[in-house]
Amino acid sequence: MFHNARAQLERGSGPYFYLPKLESHLEARLWAQAFALAEGSSGSVGSIRCTVLIETILAAFEMEEISTIARLRVRAQRGRWTTSSA
């Protein structure tokens, strides 16, 4: 983030992260704080986007809290095994 965020933003892209197997809203809060710290130090507030893989039943029950904490940064995905048997 420190070394390439500005260059990505100048090209019309941005810093994107993939968070596999996020399991709780507490973990989402930790990532949100880390992203806020990185954005604050780079001067690009609101530029980070992330994709979260919801793969456990416990995380599925906390999807609302996870997306609220992440404040529209998150694009949630279901686990690949949930769709393979359908």
PDB file of N, CA and C in Angstrom:
ATOM      1  N   MET A   1       0.836  -1.183   0.000  1.00  0.00           N
ATOM      2  CA  MET A   1       0.000   0.000   0.000  1.00  0.00           C
ATOM      3  C   MET A   1       0.882   1.248   0.000  1.00  0.00           C
ATOM      4  N   PHE A   2       1.891   1.254   0.822  1.00  0.00           N
ATOM      5  CA  PHE A   2       2.755   2.423   0.943  1.00  0.00           C
ATOM      6  C   PHE A   2       3.479   2.725  -0.360  1.00  0.00           C
ATOM      7  N   HIS A   3       3.921   1.699  -1.050  1.00  0.00           N
ATOM      8  CA  HIS A   3       4.756   1.903  -2.227  1.00  0.00           C
ATOM      9  C   HIS A   3       3.995   2.071  -3.537  1.00  0.00           C
ATOM     10  N   ASN A   4       2.787   1.509  -3.651  1.00  0.00           N
ATOM     11  CA  ASN A   4       2.159   1.544  -4.973  1.00  0.00           C
ATOM     12  C   ASN A   4       0.735   2.085  -5.017  1.00  0.00           C
ATOM     13  N   ALA A   5       0.156   2.488  -3.926  1.00  0.00           N
ATOM     14  CA  ALA A   5      -1.230   2.966  -3.934  1.00  0.00           C
ATOM     15  C   ALA A   5      -1.392   4.216  -4.796  1.00  0.00           C
ATOM     16  N   ARG A   6      -0.505   5.151  -4.655  1.00  0.00           N
ATOM     17  CA  ARG A   6      -0.624   6.406  -5.411  1.00  0.00           C
ATOM     18  C   ARG A   6      -0.532   6.154  -6.914  1.00  0.00           C
ATOM     19  N   ALA A   7       0.404   5.293  -7.321  1.00  0.00           N
ATOM     20  CA  ALA A   7       0.555   4.981  -8.748  1.00  0.00           C
ATOM     21  C   ALA A   7      -0.698   4.290  -9.285  1.00  0.00           C
ATOM     22  N   GLN A   8      -1.274   3.382  -8.502  1.00  0.00           N
ATOM     23  CA  GLN A   8      -2.503   2.711  -8.926  1.00  0.00           C
ATOM     24  C   GLN A   8      -3.658   3.697  -9.049  1.00  0.00           C
ATOM     25  N   LEU A   9      -3.769   4.617  -8.111  1.00  0.00           N
ATOM     26  CA  LEU A   9      -4.848   5.601  -8.156  1.00  0.00           C
ATOM     27  C   LEU A   9      -4.692   6.543  -9.348  1.00  0.00           C
ATOM     28  N   GLU A  10      -3.467   6.900  -9.693  1.00  0.00           N
ATOM     29  CA  GLU A  10      -3.228   7.773 -10.846  1.00  0.00           C
ATOM     30  C   GLU A  10      -3.606   7.092 -12.157  1.00  0.00           C
ATOM     31  N   ARG A  11      -3.529   5.771 -12.204  1.00  0.00           N
ATOM     32  CA  ARG A  11      -3.909   5.019 -13.400  1.00  0.00           C
ATOM     33  C   ARG A  11      -5.392   4.689 -13.427  1.00  0.00           C
ATOM     34  N   GLY A  12      -6.149   5.146 -12.429  1.00  0.00           N
ATOM     35  CA  GLY A  12      -7.584   4.888 -12.396  1.00  0.00           C
ATOM     36  C   GLY A  12      -7.951   3.577 -11.727  1.00  0.00           C
ATOM     37  N   SER A  13      -6.988   2.925 -11.145  1.00  0.00           N
ATOM     38  CA  SER A  13      -7.234   1.678 -10.423  1.00  0.00           C
ATOM     39  C   SER A  13      -7.202   1.991  -8.935  1.00  0.00           C
ATOM     40  N   GLY A  14      -6.793   1.059  -8.142  1.00  0.00           N
ATOM     41  CA  GLY A  14      -6.684   1.304  -6.719  1.00  0.00           C
ATOM     42  C   GLY A  14      -6.180   0.083  -5.986  1.00  0.00           C
ATOM     43  N   PRO A  15      -5.929   0.230  -4.712  1.00  0.00           N
ATOM     44  CA  PRO A  15      -5.487  -0.914  -3.919  1.00  0.00           C
ATOM     45  C   PRO A  15      -6.674  -1.828  -3.599  1.00  0.00           C
ATOM     46  N   TYR A  16      -6.592  -3.067  -4.061  1.00  0.00           N
ATOM     47  CA  TYR A  16      -7.652  -4.055  -3.839  1.00  0.00           C
ATOM     48  C   TYR A  16      -7.075  -5.229  -3.060  1.00  0.00           C
ATOM     49  N   PHE A  17      -7.824  -5.707  -2.097  1.00  0.00           N
ATOM     50  CA  PHE A  17      -7.377  -6.810  -1.262  1.00  0.00           C
ATOM     51  C   PHE A  17      -8.400  -7.938  -1.280  1.00  0.00           C
ATOM     52  N   TYR A  18      -7.929  -9.147  -1.092  1.00  0.00           N
ATOM     53  CA  TYR A  18      -8.770 -10.331  -0.998  1.00  0.00           C
ATOM     54  C   TYR A  18      -8.558 -10.925   0.388  1.00  0.00           C
ATOM     55  N   LEU A  19      -9.634 -11.063   1.153  1.00  0.00           N
ATOM     56  CA  LEU A  19      -9.554 -11.595   2.510  1.00  0.00           C
ATOM     57  C   LEU A  19     -10.271 -12.941   2.565  1.00  0.00           C
ATOM     58  N   PRO A  20      -9.538 -14.025   2.393  1.00  0.00           N
ATOM     59  CA  PRO A  20     -10.194 -15.338   2.411  1.00  0.00           C
ATOM     60  C   PRO A  20     -10.498 -15.786   3.832  1.00  0.00           C
ATOM     61  N   LYS A  21     -11.597 -16.482   3.974  1.00  0.00           N
ATOM     62  CA  LYS A  21     -11.981 -17.141   5.225  1.00  0.00           C
ATOM     63  C   LYS A  21     -12.094 -16.198   6.414  1.00  0.00           C
ATOM     64  N   LEU A  22     -12.657 -15.027   6.203  1.00  0.00           N
ATOM     65  CA  LEU A  22     -12.945 -14.129   7.311  1.00  0.00           C
ATOM     66  C   LEU A  22     -14.007 -14.791   8.177  1.00  0.00           C
ATOM     67  N   GLU A  23     -13.814 -14.829   9.485  1.00  0.00           N
ATOM     68  CA  GLU A  23     -14.684 -15.634  10.328  1.00  0.00           C
ATOM     69  C   GLU A  23     -15.554 -14.855  11.296  1.00  0.00           C
ATOM     70  N   SER A  24     -15.294 -13.570  11.508  1.00  0.00           N
ATOM     71  CA  SER A  24     -16.127 -12.848  12.470  1.00  0.00           C
ATOM     72  C   SER A  24     -16.075 -11.347  12.213  1.00  0.00           C
ATOM     73  N   HIS A  25     -17.007 -10.655  12.851  1.00  0.00           N
ATOM     74  CA  HIS A  25     -17.015  -9.201  12.732  1.00  0.00           C
ATOM     75  C   HIS A  25     -15.814  -8.590  13.446  1.00  0.00           C
ATOM     76  N   LEU A  26     -15.262  -9.289  14.417  1.00  0.00           N
ATOM     77  CA  LEU A  26     -14.071  -8.785  15.111  1.00  0.00           C
ATOM     78  C   LEU A  26     -12.864  -8.773  14.171  1.00  0.00           C
ATOM     79  N   GLU A  27     -12.745  -9.798  13.365  1.00  0.00           N
ATOM     80  CA  GLU A  27     -11.679  -9.841  12.366  1.00  0.00           C
ATOM     81  C   GLU A  27     -11.898  -8.765  11.305  1.00  0.00           C
ATOM     82  N   ALA A  28     -13.148  -8.543  10.922  1.00  0.00           N
ATOM     83  CA  ALA A  28     -13.458  -7.477   9.964  1.00  0.00           C
ATOM     84  C   ALA A  28     -13.091  -6.121  10.541  1.00  0.00           C
ATOM     85  N   ARG A  29     -13.335  -5.934  11.822  1.00  0.00           N
ATOM     86  CA  ARG A  29     -12.977  -4.672  12.475  1.00  0.00           C
ATOM     87  C   ARG A  29     -11.464  -4.459  12.458  1.00  0.00           C
ATOM     88  N   LEU A  30     -10.708  -5.517  12.707  1.00  0.00           N
ATOM     89  CA  LEU A  30      -9.252  -5.426  12.669  1.00  0.00           C
ATOM     90  C   LEU A  30      -8.770  -4.993  11.283  1.00  0.00           C
ATOM     91  N   TRP A  31      -9.329  -5.618  10.232  1.00  0.00           N
ATOM     92  CA  TRP A  31      -8.957  -5.239   8.862  1.00  0.00           C
ATOM     93  C   TRP A  31      -9.374  -3.808   8.546  1.00  0.00           C
ATOM     94  N   ALA A  32     -10.547  -3.394   9.003  1.00  0.00           N
ATOM     95  CA  ALA A  32     -11.005  -2.021   8.762  1.00  0.00           C
ATOM     96  C   ALA A  32     -10.064  -1.014   9.415  1.00  0.00           C
ATOM     97  N   GLN A  33      -9.594  -1.327  10.610  1.00  0.00           N
ATOM     98  CA  GLN A  33      -8.641  -0.438  11.287  1.00  0.00           C
ATOM     99  C   GLN A  33      -7.306  -0.406  10.549  1.00  0.00           C
ATOM    100  N   ALA A  34      -6.858  -1.559  10.063  1.00  0.00           N
ATOM    101  CA  ALA A  34      -5.599  -1.601   9.306  1.00  0.00           C
ATOM    102  C   ALA A  34      -5.720  -0.810   8.009  1.00  0.00           C
ATOM    103  N   PHE A  35      -6.848  -0.954   7.318  1.00  0.00           N
ATOM    104  CA  PHE A  35      -7.061  -0.206   6.079  1.00  0.00           C
ATOM    105  C   PHE A  35      -7.131   1.293   6.356  1.00  0.00           C
ATOM    106  N   ALA A  36      -7.805   1.681   7.436  1.00  0.00           N
ATOM    107  CA  ALA A  36      -7.904   3.106   7.781  1.00  0.00           C
ATOM    108  C   ALA A  36      -6.527   3.679   8.096  1.00  0.00           C
ATOM    109  N   LEU A  37      -5.707   2.926   8.790  1.00  0.00           N
ATOM    110  CA  LEU A  37      -4.351   3.374   9.101  1.00  0.00           C
ATOM    111  C   LEU A  37      -3.522   3.533   7.827  1.00  0.00           C
ATOM    112  N   ALA A  38      -3.625   2.560   6.936  1.00  0.00           N
ATOM    113  CA  ALA A  38      -2.878   2.633   5.678  1.00  0.00           C
ATOM    114  C   ALA A  38      -3.351   3.796   4.816  1.00  0.00           C
ATOM    115  N   GLU A  39      -4.665   4.012   4.756  1.00  0.00           N
ATOM    116  CA  GLU A  39      -5.189   5.128   3.968  1.00  0.00           C
ATOM    117  C   GLU A  39      -4.787   6.462   4.572  1.00  0.00           C
ATOM    118  N   GLY A  40      -4.799   6.550   5.882  1.00  0.00           N
ATOM    119  CA  GLY A  40      -4.414   7.790   6.537  1.00  0.00           C
ATOM    120  C   GLY A  40      -2.963   8.146   6.297  1.00  0.00           C
ATOM    121  N   SER A  41      -2.098   7.149   6.315  1.00  0.00           N
ATOM    122  CA  SER A  41      -0.674   7.427   6.111  1.00  0.00           C
ATOM    123  C   SER A  41      -0.338   7.713   4.654  1.00  0.00           C
ATOM    124  N   SER A  42      -1.153   7.210   3.732  1.00  0.00           N
ATOM    125  CA  SER A  42      -0.867   7.449   2.313  1.00  0.00           C
ATOM    126  C   SER A  42      -1.642   8.639   1.754  1.00  0.00           C
ATOM    127  N   GLY A  43      -2.617   9.147   2.500  1.00  0.00           N
ATOM    128  CA  GLY A  43      -3.395  10.284   2.043  1.00  0.00           C
ATOM    129  C   GLY A  43      -4.461   9.941   1.021  1.00  0.00           C
ATOM    130  N   SER A  44      -4.824   8.679   0.931  1.00  0.00           N
ATOM    131  CA  SER A  44      -5.830   8.251  -0.051  1.00  0.00           C
ATOM    132  C   SER A  44      -7.030   7.625   0.668  1.00  0.00           C
ATOM    133  N   VAL A  45      -7.692   8.415   1.473  1.00  0.00           N
ATOM    134  CA  VAL A  45      -8.803   7.931   2.295  1.00  0.00           C
ATOM    135  C   VAL A  45      -9.953   7.456   1.414  1.00  0.00           C
ATOM    136  N   GLY A  46     -10.449   6.258   1.696  1.00  0.00           N
ATOM    137  CA  GLY A  46     -11.575   5.700   0.971  1.00  0.00           C
ATOM    138  C   GLY A  46     -11.212   4.978  -0.316  1.00  0.00           C
ATOM    139  N   SER A  47      -9.930   4.736  -0.550  1.00  0.00           N
ATOM    140  CA  SER A  47      -9.524   4.139  -1.822  1.00  0.00           C
ATOM    141  C   SER A  47      -9.417   2.616  -1.781  1.00  0.00           C
ATOM    142  N   ILE A  48      -9.281   2.033  -0.624  1.00  0.00           N
ATOM    143  CA  ILE A  48      -9.090   0.579  -0.525  1.00  0.00           C
ATOM    144  C   ILE A  48     -10.420  -0.135  -0.709  1.00  0.00           C
ATOM    145  N   ARG A  49     -10.384  -1.185  -1.513  1.00  0.00           N
ATOM    146  CA  ARG A  49     -11.531  -2.073  -1.699  1.00  0.00           C
ATOM    147  C   ARG A  49     -11.078  -3.485  -1.383  1.00  0.00           C
ATOM    148  N   CYS A  50     -11.985  -4.303  -0.889  1.00  0.00           N
ATOM    149  CA  CYS A  50     -11.613  -5.682  -0.598  1.00  0.00           C
ATOM    150  C   CYS A  50     -12.767  -6.628  -0.897  1.00  0.00           C
ATOM    151  N   THR A  51     -12.396  -7.851  -1.163  1.00  0.00           N
ATOM    152  CA  THR A  51     -13.357  -8.928  -1.361  1.00  0.00           C
ATOM    153  C   THR A  51     -13.191  -9.894  -0.202  1.00  0.00           C
ATOM    154  N   VAL A  52     -14.294 -10.270   0.402  1.00  0.00           N
ATOM    155  CA  VAL A  52     -14.278 -11.170   1.553  1.00  0.00           C
ATOM    156  C   VAL A  52     -14.920 -12.484   1.155  1.00  0.00           C
ATOM    157  N   LEU A  53     -14.257 -13.573   1.461  1.00  0.00           N
ATOM    158  CA  LEU A  53     -14.808 -14.890   1.208  1.00  0.00           C
ATOM    159  C   LEU A  53     -15.496 -15.378   2.482  1.00  0.00           C
ATOM    160  N   ILE A  54     -16.810 -15.554   2.409  1.00  0.00           N
ATOM    161  CA  ILE A  54     -17.590 -16.088   3.525  1.00  0.00           C
ATOM    162  C   ILE A  54     -17.702 -17.586   3.304  1.00  0.00           C
ATOM    163  N   GLU A  55     -16.987 -18.354   4.108  1.00  0.00           N
ATOM    164  CA  GLU A  55     -16.916 -19.780   3.866  1.00  0.00           C
ATOM    165  C   GLU A  55     -17.408 -20.606   5.048  1.00  0.00           C
ATOM    166  N   THR A  56     -17.545 -20.008   6.209  1.00  0.00           N
ATOM    167  CA  THR A  56     -17.998 -20.760   7.379  1.00  0.00           C
ATOM    168  C   THR A  56     -19.405 -20.338   7.769  1.00  0.00           C
ATOM    169  N   ILE A  57     -20.106 -21.223   8.427  1.00  0.00           N
ATOM    170  CA  ILE A  57     -21.476 -20.927   8.846  1.00  0.00           C
ATOM    171  C   ILE A  57     -21.503 -19.795   9.877  1.00  0.00           C
ATOM    172  N   LEU A  58     -20.503 -19.734  10.731  1.00  0.00           N
ATOM    173  CA  LEU A  58     -20.463 -18.667  11.733  1.00  0.00           C
ATOM    174  C   LEU A  58     -20.304 -17.295  11.080  1.00  0.00           C
ATOM    175  N   ALA A  59     -19.470 -17.221  10.055  1.00  0.00           N
ATOM    176  CA  ALA A  59     -19.306 -15.950   9.340  1.00  0.00           C
ATOM    177  C   ALA A  59     -20.577 -15.585   8.592  1.00  0.00           C
ATOM    178  N   ALA A  60     -21.299 -16.590   8.097  1.00  0.00           N
ATOM    179  CA  ALA A  60     -22.554 -16.317   7.397  1.00  0.00           C
ATOM    180  C   ALA A  60     -23.559 -15.642   8.315  1.00  0.00           C
ATOM    181  N   PHE A  61     -23.571 -16.034   9.577  1.00  0.00           N
ATOM    182  CA  PHE A  61     -24.473 -15.411  10.537  1.00  0.00           C
ATOM    183  C   PHE A  61     -24.057 -13.982  10.882  1.00  0.00           C
ATOM    184  N   GLU A  62     -22.811 -13.624  10.600  1.00  0.00           N
ATOM    185  CA  GLU A  62     -22.306 -12.283  10.921  1.00  0.00           C
ATOM    186  C   GLU A  62     -22.089 -11.426   9.677  1.00  0.00           C
ATOM    187  N   MET A  63     -22.639 -11.823   8.542  1.00  0.00           N
ATOM    188  CA  MET A  63     -22.412 -11.069   7.298  1.00  0.00           C
ATOM    189  C   MET A  63     -22.859  -9.614   7.401  1.00  0.00           C
ATOM    190  N   GLU A  64     -23.984  -9.377   8.045  1.00  0.00           N
ATOM    191  CA  GLU A  64     -24.472  -7.999   8.198  1.00  0.00           C
ATOM    192  C   GLU A  64     -23.477  -7.155   8.990  1.00  0.00           C
ATOM    193  N   GLU A  65     -22.980  -7.692  10.092  1.00  0.00           N
ATOM    194  CA  GLU A  65     -22.011  -6.964  10.913  1.00  0.00           C
ATOM    195  C   GLU A  65     -20.699  -6.754  10.157  1.00  0.00           C
ATOM    196  N   ILE A  66     -20.277  -7.781   9.428  1.00  0.00           N
ATOM    197  CA  ILE A  66     -19.025  -7.680   8.673  1.00  0.00           C
ATOM    198  C   ILE A  66     -19.120  -6.576   7.628  1.00  0.00           C
ATOM    199  N   SER A  67     -20.209  -6.525   6.888  1.00  0.00           N
ATOM    200  CA  SER A  67     -20.332  -5.497   5.850  1.00  0.00           C
ATOM    201  C   SER A  67     -20.541  -4.107   6.440  1.00  0.00           C
ATOM    202  N   THR A  68     -21.194  -4.022   7.587  1.00  0.00           N
ATOM    203  CA  THR A  68     -21.373  -2.724   8.241  1.00  0.00           C
ATOM    204  C   THR A  68     -20.041  -2.169   8.719  1.00  0.00           C
ATOM    205  N   ILE A  69     -19.232  -3.003   9.311  1.00  0.00           N
ATOM    206  CA  ILE A  69     -17.924  -2.563   9.801  1.00  0.00           C
ATOM    207  C   ILE A  69     -17.037  -2.123   8.646  1.00  0.00           C
ATOM    208  N   ALA A  70     -17.095  -2.840   7.560  1.00  0.00           N
ATOM    209  CA  ALA A  70     -16.221  -2.541   6.428  1.00  0.00           C
ATOM    210  C   ALA A  70     -16.679  -1.327   5.618  1.00  0.00           C
ATOM    211  N   ARG A  71     -17.885  -0.848   5.857  1.00  0.00           N
ATOM    212  CA  ARG A  71     -18.402   0.380   5.219  1.00  0.00           C
ATOM    213  C   ARG A  71     -18.247   0.404   3.709  1.00  0.00           C
ATOM    214  N   LEU A  72     -18.905  -0.475   3.049  1.00  0.00           N
ATOM    215  CA  LEU A  72     -18.981  -0.523   1.594  1.00  0.00           C
ATOM    216  C   LEU A  72     -17.670  -0.856   0.899  1.00  0.00           C
ATOM    217  N   ARG A  73     -16.647  -1.231   1.638  1.00  0.00           N
ATOM    218  CA  ARG A  73     -15.407  -1.677   1.008  1.00  0.00           C
ATOM    219  C   ARG A  73     -15.521  -3.117   0.558  1.00  0.00           C
ATOM    220  N   VAL A  74     -16.461  -3.845   1.150  1.00  0.00           N
ATOM    221  CA  VAL A  74     -16.495  -5.301   1.015  1.00  0.00           C
ATOM    222  C   VAL A  74     -17.437  -5.761  -0.073  1.00  0.00           C
ATOM    223  N   ARG A  75     -16.966  -6.688  -0.853  1.00  0.00           N
ATOM    224  CA  ARG A  75     -17.815  -7.449  -1.755  1.00  0.00           C
ATOM    225  C   ARG A  75     -17.753  -8.891  -1.264  1.00  0.00           C
ATOM    226  N   ALA A  76     -18.822  -9.378  -0.681  1.00  0.00           N
ATOM    227  CA  ALA A  76     -18.817 -10.709  -0.079  1.00  0.00           C
ATOM    228  C   ALA A  76     -19.022 -11.781  -1.142  1.00  0.00           C
ATOM    229  N   GLN A  77     -18.415 -12.915  -0.911  1.00  0.00           N
ATOM    230  CA  GLN A  77     -18.582 -14.061  -1.789  1.00  0.00           C
ATOM    231  C   GLN A  77     -18.894 -15.286  -0.949  1.00  0.00           C
ATOM    232  N   ARG A  78     -19.686 -16.167  -1.517  1.00  0.00           N
ATOM    233  CA  ARG A  78     -19.927 -17.441  -0.848  1.00  0.00           C
ATOM    234  C   ARG A  78     -18.760 -18.365  -1.145  1.00  0.00           C
ATOM    235  N   GLY A  79     -18.599 -19.360  -0.298  1.00  0.00           N
ATOM    236  CA  GLY A  79     -17.549 -20.349  -0.524  1.00  0.00           C
ATOM    237  C   GLY A  79     -17.841 -21.178  -1.773  1.00  0.00           C
ATOM    238  N   ARG A  80     -16.809 -21.659  -2.419  1.00  0.00           N
ATOM    239  CA  ARG A  80     -16.988 -22.398  -3.660  1.00  0.00           C
ATOM    240  C   ARG A  80     -17.691 -23.722  -3.441  1.00  0.00           C
ATOM    241  N   TRP A  81     -17.605 -24.273  -2.254  1.00  0.00           N
ATOM    242  CA  TRP A  81     -18.236 -25.562  -1.997  1.00  0.00           C
ATOM    243  C   TRP A  81     -19.743 -25.449  -1.828  1.00  0.00           C
ATOM    244  N   THR A  82     -20.243 -24.251  -1.552  1.00  0.00           N
ATOM    245  CA  THR A  82     -21.697 -24.094  -1.388  1.00  0.00           C
ATOM    246  C   THR A  82     -22.414 -24.176  -2.714  1.00  0.00           C
ATOM    247  N   THR A  83     -21.747 -23.854  -3.804  1.00  0.00           N
ATOM    248  CA  THR A  83     -22.402 -23.871  -5.104  1.00  0.00           C
ATOM    249  C   THR A  83     -22.074 -25.118  -5.916  1.00  0.00           C
ATOM    250  N   SER A  84     -21.072 -25.882  -5.516  1.00  0.00           N
ATOM    251  CA  SER A  84     -20.660 -27.034  -6.314  1.00  0.00           C
ATOM    252  C   SER A  84     -21.650 -28.190  -6.200  1.00  0.00           C
ATOM    253  N   SER A  85     -22.407 -28.246  -5.119  1.00  0.00           N
ATOM    254  CA  SER A  85     -23.350 -29.356  -4.957  1.00  0.00           C
ATOM    255  C   SER A  85     -24.753 -28.998  -5.465  1.00  0.00           C
ATOM    256  N   ALA A  86     -24.939 -27.764  -5.875  1.00  0.00           N
ATOM    257  CA  ALA A  86     -26.269 -27.332  -6.325  1.00  0.00           C
ATOM    258  C   ALA A  86     -26.555 -27.766  -7.748  1.00  0.00           C
TER     259      ALA A  86
END
